[in-house]
């Protein structure tokens, strides 16, 4: 008699940062999926998804390994990427969390770890290929902004893979994320009466709706994609489409004036975002989502639909030097350093005009 083969044991999956934000949304999806035997939620406080098994602890706690010994797959979404966070405190938290999770997973023999960084790590440049292949080199400049955090986290991943060859790590790199609750340098860029552009180059806009990022995370948790995986809507939008849909006109400046002014203003503490953040609103960084496409994934959102929702979620807010103000207090502005660059450029022109008179 030939013995019948047993079905593989369904894995146990854990999500860090599970009480709120992206972690909470993924947790709600996973508890209703049939692919996992059990879903464990890890956070400093208990959330509202009662179907999950909650383990309340700080992911930076060295004792994390003891609490995940029964986990097969861990999706790490505990992080601070708030635009207005103190850069030093934000980076310290993000790197300590990622380092602890990777070390604990290796020690506890967790089979697979999934992390989210950003397609920003490819860098935004006027001569970027459109779209960028997933295996394109990482050329973003290390800085004090969120992009610098992502670069450091990916460096931790590479070191972890060398130290723990048995650990499988999947890194998702989404395009500009949009959707309810999303607040980034990119979304704030569109809270302005004018859109900054650089002479001689027009950006190409690609978005990643949070719903599509969640479906990609599910695939990664199941092991359908591995390694470095780009996530985003199909194709891209031209600057003219963005301006037509938003009703916001462009404001064009020379690259030298734009980045030089932004760098000086950031150094003086006037703008919270480093000058390099401006690259991502004036230069292209579109990605080709080959791995997901080959796994049968297809985004549910188009760039146009995602951008339309981004515009709806603005709620008439206006951003000045990276901080939101009531509309009545706003002047000629754009998000983060863009605001100060435009404002300073206008002042410079006025001064030069007066000198010529």
C-alpha atoms as a PDB file:
ATOM      1  CA  UNK A   1       0.000   0.000   0.000  1.00  0.00           C
ATOM      2  CA  UNK A   2       1.422   3.367  -1.060  1.00  0.00           C
ATOM      3  CA  UNK A   3       1.347   5.904   1.786  1.00  0.00           C
ATOM      4  CA  UNK A   4      -0.585   9.075   1.047  1.00  0.00           C
ATOM      5  CA  UNK A   5       1.471  12.243   1.011  1.00  0.00           C
ATOM      6  CA  UNK A   6       0.692  14.780   3.691  1.00  0.00           C
ATOM      7  CA  UNK A   7      -0.069  18.381   2.849  1.00  0.00           C
ATOM      8  CA  UNK A   8       2.708  20.775   3.871  1.00  0.00           C
ATOM      9  CA  UNK A   9       2.106  22.394   7.233  1.00  0.00           C
ATOM     10  CA  UNK A  10       0.734  25.902   6.832  1.00  0.00           C
ATOM     11  CA  UNK A  11       3.148  28.529   8.156  1.00  0.00           C
ATOM     12  CA  UNK A  12       2.673  30.827  11.131  1.00  0.00           C
ATOM     13  CA  UNK A  13       3.081  34.486  10.126  1.00  0.00           C
ATOM     14  CA  UNK A  14       3.837  37.459  12.366  1.00  0.00           C
ATOM     15  CA  UNK A  15       3.460  41.189  11.672  1.00  0.00           C
ATOM     16  CA  UNK A  16       5.344  43.876  13.595  1.00  0.00           C
ATOM     17  CA  UNK A  17       3.808  47.319  13.971  1.00  0.00           C
ATOM     18  CA  UNK A  18       0.465  45.530  13.868  1.00  0.00           C
ATOM     19  CA  UNK A  19      -1.627  47.920  15.965  1.00  0.00           C
ATOM     20  CA  UNK A  20      -1.838  50.762  13.455  1.00  0.00           C
ATOM     21  CA  UNK A  21      -1.093  51.957   9.946  1.00  0.00           C
ATOM     22  CA  UNK A  22       0.117  49.578   7.266  1.00  0.00           C
ATOM     23  CA  UNK A  23       0.763  46.826   9.823  1.00  0.00           C
ATOM     24  CA  UNK A  24      -2.821  46.906  11.046  1.00  0.00           C
ATOM     25  CA  UNK A  25      -4.187  46.812   7.477  1.00  0.00           C
ATOM     26  CA  UNK A  26      -2.017  43.827   6.566  1.00  0.00           C
ATOM     27  CA  UNK A  27      -2.958  42.028   9.778  1.00  0.00           C
ATOM     28  CA  UNK A  28      -6.672  42.399   8.976  1.00  0.00           C
ATOM     29  CA  UNK A  29      -6.076  40.813   5.569  1.00  0.00           C
ATOM     30  CA  UNK A  30      -3.914  37.956   6.819  1.00  0.00           C
ATOM     31  CA  UNK A  31      -6.308  36.774   9.540  1.00  0.00           C
ATOM     32  CA  UNK A  32      -8.942  36.129   6.862  1.00  0.00           C
ATOM     33  CA  UNK A  33      -6.522  34.403   4.466  1.00  0.00           C
ATOM     34  CA  UNK A  34      -6.415  30.623   4.194  1.00  0.00           C
ATOM     35  CA  UNK A  35      -2.657  30.459   3.617  1.00  0.00           C
ATOM     36  CA  UNK A  36      -1.523  30.689   7.235  1.00  0.00           C
ATOM     37  CA  UNK A  37      -2.120  28.425  10.220  1.00  0.00           C
ATOM     38  CA  UNK A  38      -1.928  31.296  12.682  1.00  0.00           C
ATOM     39  CA  UNK A  39      -1.360  35.055  12.553  1.00  0.00           C
ATOM     40  CA  UNK A  40       0.660  36.727  15.320  1.00  0.00           C
ATOM     41  CA  UNK A  41       0.530  40.483  15.942  1.00  0.00           C
ATOM     42  CA  UNK A  42       3.525  42.222  17.538  1.00  0.00           C
ATOM     43  CA  UNK A  43       3.364  45.786  18.814  1.00  0.00           C
ATOM     44  CA  UNK A  44       3.933  47.882  21.931  1.00  0.00           C
ATOM     45  CA  UNK A  45       0.181  48.002  22.451  1.00  0.00           C
ATOM     46  CA  UNK A  46      -2.681  45.649  21.636  1.00  0.00           C
ATOM     47  CA  UNK A  47      -4.680  46.517  18.534  1.00  0.00           C
ATOM     48  CA  UNK A  48      -8.271  45.916  17.515  1.00  0.00           C
ATOM     49  CA  UNK A  49      -7.853  42.838  15.276  1.00  0.00           C
ATOM     50  CA  UNK A  50      -9.115  40.238  17.721  1.00  0.00           C
ATOM     51  CA  UNK A  51      -8.599  37.224  15.453  1.00  0.00           C
ATOM     52  CA  UNK A  52      -4.819  37.569  15.741  1.00  0.00           C
ATOM     53  CA  UNK A  53      -2.608  36.284  18.560  1.00  0.00           C
ATOM     54  CA  UNK A  54      -1.219  39.406  20.235  1.00  0.00           C
ATOM     55  CA  UNK A  55       2.264  39.663  21.730  1.00  0.00           C
ATOM     56  CA  UNK A  56       2.815  43.057  23.299  1.00  0.00           C
ATOM     57  CA  UNK A  57       6.465  44.115  23.216  1.00  0.00           C
ATOM     58  CA  UNK A  58       8.862  46.597  21.662  1.00  0.00           C
ATOM     59  CA  UNK A  59      10.506  45.136  18.547  1.00  0.00           C
ATOM     60  CA  UNK A  60      13.791  46.688  19.690  1.00  0.00           C
ATOM     61  CA  UNK A  61      13.778  44.442  22.781  1.00  0.00           C
ATOM     62  CA  UNK A  62      16.682  41.943  22.602  1.00  0.00           C
ATOM     63  CA  UNK A  63      14.293  39.329  24.036  1.00  0.00           C
ATOM     64  CA  UNK A  64      12.307  39.405  20.783  1.00  0.00           C
ATOM     65  CA  UNK A  65      13.909  36.113  19.675  1.00  0.00           C
ATOM     66  CA  UNK A  66      12.295  34.327  22.616  1.00  0.00           C
ATOM     67  CA  UNK A  67       8.843  35.505  21.527  1.00  0.00           C
ATOM     68  CA  UNK A  68       9.074  34.421  17.882  1.00  0.00           C
ATOM     69  CA  UNK A  69      10.448  30.886  18.215  1.00  0.00           C
ATOM     70  CA  UNK A  70       7.224  29.494  16.711  1.00  0.00           C
ATOM     71  CA  UNK A  71       7.142  31.893  13.734  1.00  0.00           C
ATOM     72  CA  UNK A  72       7.828  30.805  10.143  1.00  0.00           C
ATOM     73  CA  UNK A  73       7.391  34.160   8.373  1.00  0.00           C
ATOM     74  CA  UNK A  74       7.761  37.656   9.833  1.00  0.00           C
ATOM     75  CA  UNK A  75       6.647  40.845   8.062  1.00  0.00           C
ATOM     76  CA  UNK A  76       8.425  43.814   9.645  1.00  0.00           C
ATOM     77  CA  UNK A  77       6.322  46.988   9.417  1.00  0.00           C
ATOM     78  CA  UNK A  78       7.222  48.686  12.706  1.00  0.00           C
ATOM     79  CA  UNK A  79       8.919  51.930  11.777  1.00  0.00           C
ATOM     80  CA  UNK A  80       8.752  55.702  12.045  1.00  0.00           C
ATOM     81  CA  UNK A  81       8.642  57.441   8.673  1.00  0.00           C
ATOM     82  CA  UNK A  82       6.720  60.539   9.732  1.00  0.00           C
ATOM     83  CA  UNK A  83       7.714  63.629   7.777  1.00  0.00           C
ATOM     84  CA  UNK A  84       7.920  65.818  10.891  1.00  0.00           C
ATOM     85  CA  UNK A  85       9.847  63.366  13.106  1.00  0.00           C
ATOM     86  CA  UNK A  86      13.193  64.353  14.565  1.00  0.00           C
ATOM     87  CA  UNK A  87      15.666  62.897  12.025  1.00  0.00           C
ATOM     88  CA  UNK A  88      18.095  61.549  14.626  1.00  0.00           C
ATOM     89  CA  UNK A  89      15.435  59.911  16.779  1.00  0.00           C
ATOM     90  CA  UNK A  90      13.630  58.517  13.726  1.00  0.00           C
ATOM     91  CA  UNK A  91      16.762  56.921  12.308  1.00  0.00           C
ATOM     92  CA  UNK A  92      17.831  55.502  15.665  1.00  0.00           C
ATOM     93  CA  UNK A  93      14.432  53.834  16.063  1.00  0.00           C
ATOM     94  CA  UNK A  94      14.236  52.480  12.508  1.00  0.00           C
ATOM     95  CA  UNK A  95      17.733  51.029  12.446  1.00  0.00           C
ATOM     96  CA  UNK A  96      17.527  49.529  15.932  1.00  0.00           C
ATOM     97  CA  UNK A  97      14.158  47.949  15.068  1.00  0.00           C
ATOM     98  CA  UNK A  98      15.369  46.468  11.774  1.00  0.00           C
ATOM     99  CA  UNK A  99      18.631  45.221  13.287  1.00  0.00           C
ATOM    100  CA  UNK A 100      16.858  43.577  16.234  1.00  0.00           C
ATOM    101  CA  UNK A 101      14.266  41.931  13.997  1.00  0.00           C
ATOM    102  CA  UNK A 102      16.849  40.501  11.590  1.00  0.00           C
ATOM    103  CA  UNK A 103      19.076  39.222  14.403  1.00  0.00           C
ATOM    104  CA  UNK A 104      16.146  37.765  16.343  1.00  0.00           C
ATOM    105  CA  UNK A 105      14.727  36.041  13.252  1.00  0.00           C
ATOM    106  CA  UNK A 106      18.089  34.426  12.506  1.00  0.00           C
ATOM    107  CA  UNK A 107      18.419  33.276  16.127  1.00  0.00           C
ATOM    108  CA  UNK A 108      14.852  31.927  16.241  1.00  0.00           C
ATOM    109  CA  UNK A 109      15.227  30.208  12.851  1.00  0.00           C
ATOM    110  CA  UNK A 110      12.413  32.180  11.261  1.00  0.00           C
ATOM    111  CA  UNK A 111      12.351  31.030   7.665  1.00  0.00           C
ATOM    112  CA  UNK A 112      11.433  34.266   5.898  1.00  0.00           C
ATOM    113  CA  UNK A 113      11.521  37.979   6.704  1.00  0.00           C
ATOM    114  CA  UNK A 114       9.718  40.631   4.628  1.00  0.00           C
ATOM    115  CA  UNK A 115      10.596  44.336   4.886  1.00  0.00           C
ATOM    116  CA  UNK A 116       9.431  47.477   3.098  1.00  0.00           C
ATOM    117  CA  UNK A 117      11.818  50.255   2.035  1.00  0.00           C
ATOM    118  CA  UNK A 118      11.199  52.389  -1.070  1.00  0.00           C
ATOM    119  CA  UNK A 119      12.005  52.647  -4.768  1.00  0.00           C
ATOM    120  CA  UNK A 120      13.612  55.941  -3.716  1.00  0.00           C
ATOM    121  CA  UNK A 121      16.792  53.958  -3.014  1.00  0.00           C
ATOM    122  CA  UNK A 122      17.366  53.755  -6.775  1.00  0.00           C
ATOM    123  CA  UNK A 123      17.781  57.512  -6.735  1.00  0.00           C
ATOM    124  CA  UNK A 124      15.992  60.124  -8.832  1.00  0.00           C
ATOM    125  CA  UNK A 125      18.071  61.555 -11.664  1.00  0.00           C
ATOM    126  CA  UNK A 126      17.453  63.382 -14.959  1.00  0.00           C
ATOM    127  CA  UNK A 127      19.082  60.567 -16.950  1.00  0.00           C
ATOM    128  CA  UNK A 128      17.311  57.669 -15.225  1.00  0.00           C
ATOM    129  CA  UNK A 129      16.005  54.936 -17.475  1.00  0.00           C
ATOM    130  CA  UNK A 130      12.176  54.933 -17.568  1.00  0.00           C
ATOM    131  CA  UNK A 131      11.255  52.505 -16.164  1.00  0.00           C
ATOM    132  CA  UNK A 132      14.161  51.335 -13.998  1.00  0.00           C
ATOM    133  CA  UNK A 133      14.701  47.544 -13.895  1.00  0.00           C
ATOM    134  CA  UNK A 134      14.498  45.994 -10.432  1.00  0.00           C
ATOM    135  CA  UNK A 135      18.186  45.064 -10.548  1.00  0.00           C
ATOM    136  CA  UNK A 136      19.261  48.655 -11.211  1.00  0.00           C
ATOM    137  CA  UNK A 137      22.034  49.885  -8.901  1.00  0.00           C
ATOM    138  CA  UNK A 138      21.164  51.761  -5.723  1.00  0.00           C
ATOM    139  CA  UNK A 139      22.333  55.324  -6.379  1.00  0.00           C
ATOM    140  CA  UNK A 140      20.369  57.429  -3.880  1.00  0.00           C
ATOM    141  CA  UNK A 141      22.459  59.818  -1.818  1.00  0.00           C
ATOM    142  CA  UNK A 142      22.757  59.008   1.901  1.00  0.00           C
ATOM    143  CA  UNK A 143      21.213  61.897   3.820  1.00  0.00           C
ATOM    144  CA  UNK A 144      19.352  62.725   7.021  1.00  0.00           C
ATOM    145  CA  UNK A 145      15.960  62.142   5.394  1.00  0.00           C
ATOM    146  CA  UNK A 146      13.811  59.037   5.171  1.00  0.00           C
ATOM    147  CA  UNK A 147      15.711  57.872   2.075  1.00  0.00           C
ATOM    148  CA  UNK A 148      18.835  57.670   4.201  1.00  0.00           C
ATOM    149  CA  UNK A 149      16.963  55.429   6.635  1.00  0.00           C
ATOM    150  CA  UNK A 150      15.944  53.090   3.802  1.00  0.00           C
ATOM    151  CA  UNK A 151      19.528  52.898   2.531  1.00  0.00           C
ATOM    152  CA  UNK A 152      20.807  52.002   6.008  1.00  0.00           C
ATOM    153  CA  UNK A 153      18.097  49.347   6.466  1.00  0.00           C
ATOM    154  CA  UNK A 154      18.953  47.718   3.140  1.00  0.00           C
ATOM    155  CA  UNK A 155      22.612  47.736   4.168  1.00  0.00           C
ATOM    156  CA  UNK A 156      21.588  45.878   7.343  1.00  0.00           C
ATOM    157  CA  UNK A 157      19.744  43.337   5.191  1.00  0.00           C
ATOM    158  CA  UNK A 158      22.813  42.679   3.039  1.00  0.00           C
ATOM    159  CA  UNK A 159      25.002  42.193   6.098  1.00  0.00           C
ATOM    160  CA  UNK A 160      22.410  39.902   7.663  1.00  0.00           C
ATOM    161  CA  UNK A 161      22.254  37.726   4.544  1.00  0.00           C
ATOM    162  CA  UNK A 162      26.041  37.312   4.626  1.00  0.00           C
ATOM    163  CA  UNK A 163      26.029  36.473   8.343  1.00  0.00           C
ATOM    164  CA  UNK A 164      22.953  34.208   8.206  1.00  0.00           C
ATOM    165  CA  UNK A 165      22.837  32.499   4.778  1.00  0.00           C
ATOM    166  CA  UNK A 166      19.880  30.348   5.850  1.00  0.00           C
ATOM    167  CA  UNK A 167      17.647  33.395   6.324  1.00  0.00           C
ATOM    168  CA  UNK A 168      15.442  34.411   3.392  1.00  0.00           C
ATOM    169  CA  UNK A 169      14.767  38.156   3.193  1.00  0.00           C
ATOM    170  CA  UNK A 170      12.396  39.863   0.767  1.00  0.00           C
ATOM    171  CA  UNK A 171      12.594  43.639   0.389  1.00  0.00           C
ATOM    172  CA  UNK A 172       9.656  45.460  -1.189  1.00  0.00           C
ATOM    173  CA  UNK A 173      10.486  48.799  -2.820  1.00  0.00           C
ATOM    174  CA  UNK A 174       7.228  50.667  -3.538  1.00  0.00           C
ATOM    175  CA  UNK A 175       6.927  53.724  -5.768  1.00  0.00           C
ATOM    176  CA  UNK A 176       5.414  56.864  -4.226  1.00  0.00           C
ATOM    177  CA  UNK A 177       2.844  55.432  -1.804  1.00  0.00           C
ATOM    178  CA  UNK A 178      -0.587  57.047  -1.720  1.00  0.00           C
ATOM    179  CA  UNK A 179      -3.864  56.294   0.015  1.00  0.00           C
ATOM    180  CA  UNK A 180      -5.735  57.057   3.251  1.00  0.00           C
ATOM    181  CA  UNK A 181      -3.392  57.914   6.111  1.00  0.00           C
ATOM    182  CA  UNK A 182      -0.316  58.300   3.896  1.00  0.00           C
ATOM    183  CA  UNK A 183       1.711  61.469   4.549  1.00  0.00           C
ATOM    184  CA  UNK A 184       5.057  61.802   2.764  1.00  0.00           C
ATOM    185  CA  UNK A 185       7.266  64.330   1.022  1.00  0.00           C
ATOM    186  CA  UNK A 186       5.589  63.281  -2.237  1.00  0.00           C
ATOM    187  CA  UNK A 187       1.979  63.651  -1.055  1.00  0.00           C
ATOM    188  CA  UNK A 188       2.775  67.021   0.518  1.00  0.00           C
ATOM    189  CA  UNK A 189       4.233  68.191  -2.790  1.00  0.00           C
ATOM    190  CA  UNK A 190       0.678  68.315  -4.130  1.00  0.00           C
ATOM    191  CA  UNK A 191      -0.616  70.433  -1.240  1.00  0.00           C
ATOM    192  CA  UNK A 192       0.811  73.480  -2.980  1.00  0.00           C
ATOM    193  CA  UNK A 193      -0.533  76.146  -5.309  1.00  0.00           C
ATOM    194  CA  UNK A 194       2.497  75.570  -7.598  1.00  0.00           C
ATOM    195  CA  UNK A 195       4.562  72.516  -8.603  1.00  0.00           C
ATOM    196  CA  UNK A 196       8.314  72.969  -8.709  1.00  0.00           C
ATOM    197  CA  UNK A 197      10.086  71.780 -11.872  1.00  0.00           C
ATOM    198  CA  UNK A 198      13.712  72.045 -12.960  1.00  0.00           C
ATOM    199  CA  UNK A 199      14.624  73.563 -16.309  1.00  0.00           C
ATOM    200  CA  UNK A 200      15.485  70.974 -18.944  1.00  0.00           C
ATOM    201  CA  UNK A 201      13.818  68.035 -17.180  1.00  0.00           C
ATOM    202  CA  UNK A 202      10.252  66.955 -16.499  1.00  0.00           C
ATOM    203  CA  UNK A 203       9.372  64.277 -13.941  1.00  0.00           C
ATOM    204  CA  UNK A 204       7.501  61.076 -14.679  1.00  0.00           C
ATOM    205  CA  UNK A 205       5.013  60.207 -11.957  1.00  0.00           C
ATOM    206  CA  UNK A 206       4.390  56.675 -10.725  1.00  0.00           C
ATOM    207  CA  UNK A 207       2.345  55.857  -7.638  1.00  0.00           C
ATOM    208  CA  UNK A 208       1.757  52.803  -5.479  1.00  0.00           C
ATOM    209  CA  UNK A 209      -1.636  52.664  -3.816  1.00  0.00           C
ATOM    210  CA  UNK A 210      -1.567  51.230  -0.312  1.00  0.00           C
ATOM    211  CA  UNK A 211      -4.045  48.507  -1.399  1.00  0.00           C
ATOM    212  CA  UNK A 212      -1.558  47.258  -3.992  1.00  0.00           C
ATOM    213  CA  UNK A 213       1.304  47.385  -1.504  1.00  0.00           C
ATOM    214  CA  UNK A 214      -0.783  45.222   0.845  1.00  0.00           C
ATOM    215  CA  UNK A 215      -1.510  42.631  -1.846  1.00  0.00           C
ATOM    216  CA  UNK A 216       2.206  42.552  -2.718  1.00  0.00           C
ATOM    217  CA  UNK A 217       3.047  42.030   0.968  1.00  0.00           C
ATOM    218  CA  UNK A 218       0.660  39.069   1.071  1.00  0.00           C
ATOM    219  CA  UNK A 219       2.439  37.495  -1.897  1.00  0.00           C
ATOM    220  CA  UNK A 220       5.823  38.094  -0.277  1.00  0.00           C
ATOM    221  CA  UNK A 221       4.626  36.563   3.010  1.00  0.00           C
ATOM    222  CA  UNK A 222       3.564  33.438   1.106  1.00  0.00           C
ATOM    223  CA  UNK A 223       6.954  33.273  -0.619  1.00  0.00           C
ATOM    224  CA  UNK A 224       5.580  33.904  -4.124  1.00  0.00           C
ATOM    225  CA  UNK A 225       8.236  36.592  -4.620  1.00  0.00           C
ATOM    226  CA  UNK A 226      11.679  36.848  -3.032  1.00  0.00           C
ATOM    227  CA  UNK A 227      14.699  39.116  -3.110  1.00  0.00           C
ATOM    228  CA  UNK A 228      14.286  42.739  -4.184  1.00  0.00           C
ATOM    229  CA  UNK A 229      10.766  43.455  -5.439  1.00  0.00           C
ATOM    230  CA  UNK A 230       9.519  46.757  -6.886  1.00  0.00           C
ATOM    231  CA  UNK A 231       5.846  47.669  -6.390  1.00  0.00           C
ATOM    232  CA  UNK A 232       3.827  50.267  -8.261  1.00  0.00           C
ATOM    233  CA  UNK A 233       1.084  51.071 -10.720  1.00  0.00           C
ATOM    234  CA  UNK A 234       1.601  50.095 -14.347  1.00  0.00           C
ATOM    235  CA  UNK A 235       3.370  52.759 -16.396  1.00  0.00           C
ATOM    236  CA  UNK A 236       3.581  56.407 -15.397  1.00  0.00           C
ATOM    237  CA  UNK A 237       2.037  59.861 -15.808  1.00  0.00           C
ATOM    238  CA  UNK A 238       3.632  62.796 -17.598  1.00  0.00           C
ATOM    239  CA  UNK A 239       3.931  66.184 -15.880  1.00  0.00           C
ATOM    240  CA  UNK A 240       1.280  67.638 -18.216  1.00  0.00           C
ATOM    241  CA  UNK A 241      -1.246  65.000 -17.065  1.00  0.00           C
ATOM    242  CA  UNK A 242      -0.484  65.737 -13.412  1.00  0.00           C
ATOM    243  CA  UNK A 243      -0.964  69.460 -13.924  1.00  0.00           C
ATOM    244  CA  UNK A 244      -4.202  68.982 -15.878  1.00  0.00           C
ATOM    245  CA  UNK A 245      -5.727  66.644 -13.269  1.00  0.00           C
ATOM    246  CA  UNK A 246      -4.635  68.711 -10.273  1.00  0.00           C
ATOM    247  CA  UNK A 247      -5.190  72.153 -11.727  1.00  0.00           C
ATOM    248  CA  UNK A 248      -1.796  73.158 -10.291  1.00  0.00           C
ATOM    249  CA  UNK A 249       0.612  74.967 -12.599  1.00  0.00           C
ATOM    250  CA  UNK A 250       4.345  74.403 -12.598  1.00  0.00           C
ATOM    251  CA  UNK A 251       7.027  76.787 -11.336  1.00  0.00           C
ATOM    252  CA  UNK A 252      10.295  76.283 -13.228  1.00  0.00           C
ATOM    253  CA  UNK A 253      13.741  77.105 -11.810  1.00  0.00           C
ATOM    254  CA  UNK A 254      17.356  76.304 -12.775  1.00  0.00           C
ATOM    255  CA  UNK A 255      18.719  73.172 -11.066  1.00  0.00           C
ATOM    256  CA  UNK A 256      21.656  75.027  -9.489  1.00  0.00           C
ATOM    257  CA  UNK A 257      19.426  77.619  -7.845  1.00  0.00           C
ATOM    258  CA  UNK A 258      16.899  75.003  -6.733  1.00  0.00           C
ATOM    259  CA  UNK A 259      19.235  72.578  -5.001  1.00  0.00           C
ATOM    260  CA  UNK A 260      21.749  75.159  -3.808  1.00  0.00           C
ATOM    261  CA  UNK A 261      19.060  77.207  -2.094  1.00  0.00           C
ATOM    262  CA  UNK A 262      17.389  74.132  -0.607  1.00  0.00           C
ATOM    263  CA  UNK A 263      20.706  72.915   0.801  1.00  0.00           C
ATOM    264  CA  UNK A 264      21.474  76.253   2.441  1.00  0.00           C
ATOM    265  CA  UNK A 265      17.978  76.537   3.929  1.00  0.00           C
ATOM    266  CA  UNK A 266      18.153  73.026   5.357  1.00  0.00           C
ATOM    267  CA  UNK A 267      21.573  73.698   6.835  1.00  0.00           C
ATOM    268  CA  UNK A 268      20.121  76.767   8.561  1.00  0.00           C
ATOM    269  CA  UNK A 269      17.281  74.679   9.966  1.00  0.00           C
ATOM    270  CA  UNK A 270      14.608  76.554   8.003  1.00  0.00           C
ATOM    271  CA  UNK A 271      13.426  73.466   6.116  1.00  0.00           C
ATOM    272  CA  UNK A 272      12.992  70.038   7.742  1.00  0.00           C
ATOM    273  CA  UNK A 273      13.725  67.989   4.604  1.00  0.00           C
ATOM    274  CA  UNK A 274      17.223  67.690   3.084  1.00  0.00           C
ATOM    275  CA  UNK A 275      17.750  69.161  -0.383  1.00  0.00           C
ATOM    276  CA  UNK A 276      18.070  65.672  -1.873  1.00  0.00           C
ATOM    277  CA  UNK A 277      14.355  65.084  -1.184  1.00  0.00           C
ATOM    278  CA  UNK A 278      13.639  67.552  -3.975  1.00  0.00           C
ATOM    279  CA  UNK A 279      15.122  65.113  -6.503  1.00  0.00           C
ATOM    280  CA  UNK A 280      12.072  62.896  -6.086  1.00  0.00           C
ATOM    281  CA  UNK A 281       9.625  65.593  -7.190  1.00  0.00           C
ATOM    282  CA  UNK A 282      11.598  66.921 -10.168  1.00  0.00           C
ATOM    283  CA  UNK A 283      13.401  63.845 -11.600  1.00  0.00           C
ATOM    284  CA  UNK A 284      12.048  60.426 -12.651  1.00  0.00           C
ATOM    285  CA  UNK A 285      12.303  57.248 -10.535  1.00  0.00           C
ATOM    286  CA  UNK A 286       9.725  54.997 -12.214  1.00  0.00           C
ATOM    287  CA  UNK A 287      10.169  51.241 -11.575  1.00  0.00           C
ATOM    288  CA  UNK A 288       9.350  48.107 -13.542  1.00  0.00           C
ATOM    289  CA  UNK A 289       7.572  45.558 -11.325  1.00  0.00           C
ATOM    290  CA  UNK A 290       8.849  42.460 -13.148  1.00  0.00           C
ATOM    291  CA  UNK A 291       8.981  40.005 -10.223  1.00  0.00           C
ATOM    292  CA  UNK A 292       5.410  40.698  -9.124  1.00  0.00           C
ATOM    293  CA  UNK A 293       4.111  40.610 -12.684  1.00  0.00           C
ATOM    294  CA  UNK A 294       5.746  37.226 -13.284  1.00  0.00           C
ATOM    295  CA  UNK A 295       4.140  35.962 -10.058  1.00  0.00           C
ATOM    296  CA  UNK A 296       0.710  36.806 -11.489  1.00  0.00           C
ATOM    297  CA  UNK A 297       0.235  40.035  -9.515  1.00  0.00           C
ATOM    298  CA  UNK A 298      -1.538  42.977 -11.103  1.00  0.00           C
ATOM    299  CA  UNK A 299      -2.135  46.353  -9.454  1.00  0.00           C
ATOM    300  CA  UNK A 300      -5.768  47.145  -8.754  1.00  0.00           C
ATOM    301  CA  UNK A 301      -5.101  50.882  -9.067  1.00  0.00           C
ATOM    302  CA  UNK A 302      -3.961  52.897 -12.066  1.00  0.00           C
ATOM    303  CA  UNK A 303      -1.666  55.887 -11.648  1.00  0.00           C
ATOM    304  CA  UNK A 304      -4.536  58.170 -12.610  1.00  0.00           C
ATOM    305  CA  UNK A 305      -6.944  56.685 -10.047  1.00  0.00           C
ATOM    306  CA  UNK A 306      -4.320  56.712  -7.291  1.00  0.00           C
ATOM    307  CA  UNK A 307      -3.410  60.326  -8.061  1.00  0.00           C
ATOM    308  CA  UNK A 308      -7.076  61.327  -8.080  1.00  0.00           C
ATOM    309  CA  UNK A 309      -7.466  59.905  -4.578  1.00  0.00           C
ATOM    310  CA  UNK A 310      -4.297  61.688  -3.449  1.00  0.00           C
ATOM    311  CA  UNK A 311      -5.860  64.963  -4.585  1.00  0.00           C
ATOM    312  CA  UNK A 312      -9.149  64.171  -2.817  1.00  0.00           C
ATOM    313  CA  UNK A 313      -7.318  63.448   0.444  1.00  0.00           C
ATOM    314  CA  UNK A 314      -5.594  66.840   0.516  1.00  0.00           C
ATOM    315  CA  UNK A 315      -8.670  68.406   2.168  1.00  0.00           C
ATOM    316  CA  UNK A 316      -7.595  71.910   1.100  1.00  0.00           C
ATOM    317  CA  UNK A 317      -4.422  71.691   3.178  1.00  0.00           C
ATOM    318  CA  UNK A 318      -1.430  73.820   2.282  1.00  0.00           C
ATOM    319  CA  UNK A 319       2.127  73.030   3.274  1.00  0.00           C
ATOM    320  CA  UNK A 320       4.693  75.679   4.160  1.00  0.00           C
ATOM    321  CA  UNK A 321       8.292  74.630   4.737  1.00  0.00           C
ATOM    322  CA  UNK A 322       7.129  71.065   5.313  1.00  0.00           C
ATOM    323  CA  UNK A 323       4.502  72.105   7.891  1.00  0.00           C
ATOM    324  CA  UNK A 324       0.784  72.439   7.274  1.00  0.00           C
ATOM    325  CA  UNK A 325      -0.954  75.764   7.779  1.00  0.00           C
ATOM    326  CA  UNK A 326      -4.529  76.981   7.286  1.00  0.00           C
ATOM    327  CA  UNK A 327      -5.080  78.126   3.714  1.00  0.00           C
ATOM    328  CA  UNK A 328      -5.506  81.754   4.769  1.00  0.00           C
ATOM    329  CA  UNK A 329      -1.935  81.769   6.151  1.00  0.00           C
ATOM    330  CA  UNK A 330      -0.332  80.267   3.057  1.00  0.00           C
ATOM    331  CA  UNK A 331       1.749  82.116   0.490  1.00  0.00           C
ATOM    332  CA  UNK A 332       3.477  80.881  -2.680  1.00  0.00           C
ATOM    333  CA  UNK A 333       4.522  77.472  -1.390  1.00  0.00           C
ATOM    334  CA  UNK A 334       5.178  73.811  -2.067  1.00  0.00           C
ATOM    335  CA  UNK A 335       6.030  70.860   0.123  1.00  0.00           C
ATOM    336  CA  UNK A 336       9.074  70.834   2.384  1.00  0.00           C
ATOM    337  CA  UNK A 337      12.141  72.478   0.928  1.00  0.00           C
ATOM    338  CA  UNK A 338      10.248  73.277  -2.279  1.00  0.00           C
ATOM    339  CA  UNK A 339       8.357  75.983  -0.408  1.00  0.00           C
ATOM    340  CA  UNK A 340      11.442  77.768   0.748  1.00  0.00           C
ATOM    341  CA  UNK A 341      13.190  77.362  -2.603  1.00  0.00           C
ATOM    342  CA  UNK A 342      10.312  78.992  -4.463  1.00  0.00           C
ATOM    343  CA  UNK A 343       9.916  81.709  -1.855  1.00  0.00           C
ATOM    344  CA  UNK A 344      13.642  82.440  -1.741  1.00  0.00           C
ATOM    345  CA  UNK A 345      13.894  82.424  -5.529  1.00  0.00           C
ATOM    346  CA  UNK A 346      11.109  84.993  -5.709  1.00  0.00           C
ATOM    347  CA  UNK A 347      12.907  87.196  -3.162  1.00  0.00           C
ATOM    348  CA  UNK A 348      16.199  86.884  -5.065  1.00  0.00           C
ATOM    349  CA  UNK A 349      14.507  87.997  -8.272  1.00  0.00           C
ATOM    350  CA  UNK A 350      12.929  90.982  -6.527  1.00  0.00           C
ATOM    351  CA  UNK A 351      16.274  92.032  -5.075  1.00  0.00           C
ATOM    352  CA  UNK A 352      17.998  91.712  -8.448  1.00  0.00           C
ATOM    353  CA  UNK A 353      15.219  93.704 -10.114  1.00  0.00           C
ATOM    354  CA  UNK A 354      15.584  96.524  -7.588  1.00  0.00           C
ATOM    355  CA  UNK A 355      19.365  96.588  -8.077  1.00  0.00           C
ATOM    356  CA  UNK A 356      18.902  97.025 -11.834  1.00  0.00           C
ATOM    357  CA  UNK A 357      16.531  99.963 -11.357  1.00  0.00           C
END
